[in-house]
Amino acid sequence: MVHRNFLVKVTGAKLTEIQKALQTAGITVRSIIEIFREGENESPETEKREE
């Protein structure tokens, strides 16, 4: 099995929405890690979700 890493930049989407969209498309999501946030709602907290 081949594992690949992708960087996806999104606007107006939450981590759980991204995960659901990928899973709906038949893509197995191993983990999603927020690495950078820009804009008016910047926060030093990072979201991480692993399955």
Protein backbone atom coordinates (compact mmCIF):
# COMPACT_ATOMS: atom_id res chain seq x y z
CA MET A 1 0.00 0.00 0.00
CA VAL A 2 1.28 3.44 -0.93
CA HIS A 3 0.80 6.34 1.49
CA ARG A 4 0.88 9.91 0.20
CA ASN A 5 0.92 13.26 1.97
CA PHE A 6 -0.89 16.29 0.54
CA LEU A 7 -1.10 19.90 1.63
CA VAL A 8 -4.56 21.39 1.06
CA LYS A 9 -5.34 25.07 1.64
CA VAL A 10 -9.01 25.80 2.30
CA THR A 11 -11.17 28.83 2.99
CA GLY A 12 -14.32 28.64 5.08
CA ALA A 13 -14.12 24.96 5.99
CA LYS A 14 -13.69 23.23 9.31
CA LEU A 15 -11.47 20.23 9.88
CA THR A 16 -14.42 17.85 10.29
CA GLU A 17 -16.01 19.14 7.06
CA ILE A 18 -12.82 18.43 5.13
CA GLN A 19 -12.59 14.93 6.60
CA LYS A 20 -16.22 14.13 5.74
CA ALA A 21 -15.81 15.42 2.17
CA LEU A 22 -12.75 13.26 1.59
CA GLN A 23 -14.40 10.18 3.08
CA THR A 24 -17.52 10.76 0.97
CA ALA A 25 -15.24 10.74 -2.09
CA GLY A 26 -13.94 7.33 -1.02
CA ILE A 27 -10.61 8.60 0.31
CA THR A 28 -9.35 7.02 3.53
CA VAL A 29 -8.18 9.76 5.91
CA ARG A 30 -5.42 8.67 8.32
CA SER A 31 -4.91 12.08 9.92
CA ILE A 32 -5.51 15.78 9.39
CA ILE A 33 -3.23 18.33 11.03
CA GLU A 34 -3.70 22.09 10.86
CA ILE A 35 -0.25 23.57 10.35
CA PHE A 36 -1.02 27.22 9.65
CA ARG A 37 -3.95 29.60 10.10
CA GLU A 38 -4.18 33.10 8.69
CA GLY A 39 -6.92 35.69 8.83
CA GLU A 40 -9.00 37.47 11.40
CA ASN A 41 -9.65 34.39 13.56
CA GLU A 42 -6.01 33.45 14.05
CA SER A 43 -5.29 31.29 17.06
CA PRO A 44 -2.09 29.73 18.41
CA GLU A 45 -4.03 26.52 19.06
CA THR A 46 -3.68 23.75 16.51
CA GLU A 47 -6.33 21.24 15.62
CA LYS A 48 -5.29 17.65 15.15
CA ARG A 49 -7.51 14.74 14.37
CA GLU A 50 -6.33 11.18 13.84
CA GLU A 51 -8.29 8.01 13.22
